[in-house]
C-alpha atoms as a PDB file:
ATOM      1  CA  MET A   1      84.527  64.034  68.888  1.00  0.00           C
ATOM      2  CA  ASN A   2      87.892  64.397  67.165  1.00  0.00           C
ATOM      3  CA  SER A   3      89.940  67.592  67.067  1.00  0.00           C
ATOM      4  CA  THR A   4      89.150  68.266  63.392  1.00  0.00           C
ATOM      5  CA  SER A   5      85.410  68.478  63.999  1.00  0.00           C
ATOM      6  CA  GLN A   6      85.977  70.641  67.108  1.00  0.00           C
ATOM      7  CA  ILE A   7      87.910  73.203  65.046  1.00  0.00           C
ATOM      8  CA  GLY A   8      84.791  73.707  62.940  1.00  0.00           C
ATOM      9  CA  ASN A   9      83.000  74.934  66.081  1.00  0.00           C
ATOM     10  CA  LEU A  10      85.466  77.750  66.752  1.00  0.00           C
ATOM     11  CA  ASN A  11      84.573  81.357  65.980  1.00  0.00           C
ATOM     12  CA  GLN A  12      86.769  83.756  63.996  1.00  0.00           C
ATOM     13  CA  HIS A  13      88.420  85.205  67.106  1.00  0.00           C
ATOM     14  CA  GLN A  14      89.367  81.778  68.396  1.00  0.00           C
ATOM     15  CA  LEU A  15      90.789  80.805  65.011  1.00  0.00           C
ATOM     16  CA  GLU A  16      92.879  84.014  64.965  1.00  0.00           C
ATOM     17  CA  ILE A  17      94.369  83.100  68.337  1.00  0.00           C
ATOM     18  CA  LEU A  18      95.207  79.611  67.066  1.00  0.00           C
ATOM     19  CA  LYS A  19      97.068  81.158  64.124  1.00  0.00           C
ATOM     20  CA  LEU A  20      99.347  82.914  66.632  1.00  0.00           C
ATOM     21  CA  PHE A  21     100.478  79.515  67.889  1.00  0.00           C
ATOM     22  CA  THR A  22     101.662  78.039  64.600  1.00  0.00           C
ATOM     23  CA  ARG A  23     105.209  77.987  65.982  1.00  0.00           C
ATOM     24  CA  GLU A  24     106.320  75.588  68.690  1.00  0.00           C
ATOM     25  CA  LEU A  25     106.045  77.012  72.232  1.00  0.00           C
ATOM     26  CA  ASP A  26     108.095  75.890  75.164  1.00  0.00           C
ATOM     27  CA  GLU A  27     106.424  75.300  78.537  1.00  0.00           C
ATOM     28  CA  ASN A  28     107.542  78.665  79.961  1.00  0.00           C
ATOM     29  CA  ASP A  29     106.005  80.563  77.050  1.00  0.00           C
ATOM     30  CA  LEU A  30     102.737  78.692  77.439  1.00  0.00           C
ATOM     31  CA  VAL A  31     102.608  79.435  81.180  1.00  0.00           C
ATOM     32  CA  GLU A  32     103.332  83.122  80.548  1.00  0.00           C
ATOM     33  CA  ILE A  33     100.623  83.351  77.873  1.00  0.00           C
ATOM     34  CA  LYS A  34      98.122  81.749  80.259  1.00  0.00           C
ATOM     35  CA  ARG A  35      99.085  84.296  82.921  1.00  0.00           C
ATOM     36  CA  LEU A  36      98.562  87.147  80.465  1.00  0.00           C
ATOM     37  CA  ILE A  37      95.111  85.869  79.547  1.00  0.00           C
ATOM     38  CA  VAL A  38      94.109  85.404  83.194  1.00  0.00           C
ATOM     39  CA  LYS A  39      95.379  88.905  84.056  1.00  0.00           C
ATOM     40  CA  TYR A  40      93.462  90.388  81.127  1.00  0.00           C
ATOM     41  CA  LEU A  41      90.232  88.675  82.187  1.00  0.00           C
ATOM     42  CA  ALA A  42      90.738  89.640  85.856  1.00  0.00           C
ATOM     43  CA  ASP A  43      91.298  93.279  84.866  1.00  0.00           C
ATOM     44  CA  LYS A  44      88.191  93.192  82.694  1.00  0.00           C
ATOM     45  CA  ILE A  45      86.053  91.786  85.527  1.00  0.00           C
ATOM     46  CA  THR A  46      87.468  94.324  87.986  1.00  0.00           C
ATOM     47  CA  LYS A  47      86.597  97.152  85.592  1.00  0.00           C
ATOM     48  CA  MET A  48      83.045  95.822  85.223  1.00  0.00           C
ATOM     49  CA  ALA A  49      82.659  95.535  89.006  1.00  0.00           C
ATOM     50  CA  ASP A  50      83.994  99.080  89.461  1.00  0.00           C
ATOM     51  CA  GLU A  51      81.465 100.390  86.938  1.00  0.00           C
ATOM     52  CA  ILE A  52      78.602  98.699  88.797  1.00  0.00           C
ATOM     53  CA  TRP A  53      79.948 100.008  92.117  1.00  0.00           C
ATOM     54  CA  ASP A  54      80.023 103.576  90.743  1.00  0.00           C
ATOM     55  CA  LYS A  55      76.622 103.262  89.056  1.00  0.00           C
ATOM     56  CA  ASN A  56      75.032 102.166  92.340  1.00  0.00           C
ATOM     57  CA  ASN A  57      76.960 104.713  94.430  1.00  0.00           C
ATOM     58  CA  TRP A  58      77.978 101.947  96.834  1.00  0.00           C
ATOM     59  CA  THR A  59      80.089 102.626  99.901  1.00  0.00           C
ATOM     60  CA  ASN A  60      82.318 100.399 102.005  1.00  0.00           C
ATOM     61  CA  GLU A  61      79.385  99.999 104.389  1.00  0.00           C
ATOM     62  CA  ASP A  62      77.281  98.661 101.499  1.00  0.00           C
ATOM     63  CA  MET A  63      80.026  96.133 100.725  1.00  0.00           C
ATOM     64  CA  GLU A  64      80.098  94.961 104.344  1.00  0.00           C
ATOM     65  CA  ARG A  65      76.320  94.537 104.253  1.00  0.00           C
ATOM     66  CA  LEU A  66      76.530  92.559 101.005  1.00  0.00           C
ATOM     67  CA  LEU A  67      79.248  90.337 102.440  1.00  0.00           C
ATOM     68  CA  LYS A  68      77.084  89.498 105.455  1.00  0.00           C
ATOM     69  CA  THR A  69      73.862  88.943 103.481  1.00  0.00           C
ATOM     70  CA  HIS A  70      72.953  85.288 103.003  1.00  0.00           C
ATOM     71  CA  LYS A  71      71.006  84.755  99.794  1.00  0.00           C
ATOM     72  CA  ARG A  72      71.546  81.054  99.453  1.00  0.00           C
ATOM     73  CA  THR A  73      68.780  78.777  98.319  1.00  0.00           C
ATOM     74  CA  PRO A  74      67.583  76.710 101.275  1.00  0.00           C
ATOM     75  CA  TYR A  75      68.670  73.109 101.253  1.00  0.00           C
ATOM     76  CA  ASN A  76      66.146  70.770  99.669  1.00  0.00           C
ATOM     77  CA  PRO A  77      66.860  67.068 100.304  1.00  0.00           C
ATOM     78  CA  LYS A  78      64.646  66.126  97.315  1.00  0.00           C
ATOM     79  CA  ASN A  79      67.153  67.639  94.876  1.00  0.00           C
END
């Protein structure tokens, strides 16, 4: 698939972000922008986790219990 056909699959928000990059960026700018995006997403996830924590009235003891709970699917050699 070439880049022209991939652009057609982008939504309006993604296209807006691409418009911001019409000027040439140096490597440092690109790295900094990536850091900003990662920080934004990390903050968003932390906020969501905090909301769930508050909604469930969890304590530190609950977190310790969750950390020690094994809910893995048992190994199946047929898979």
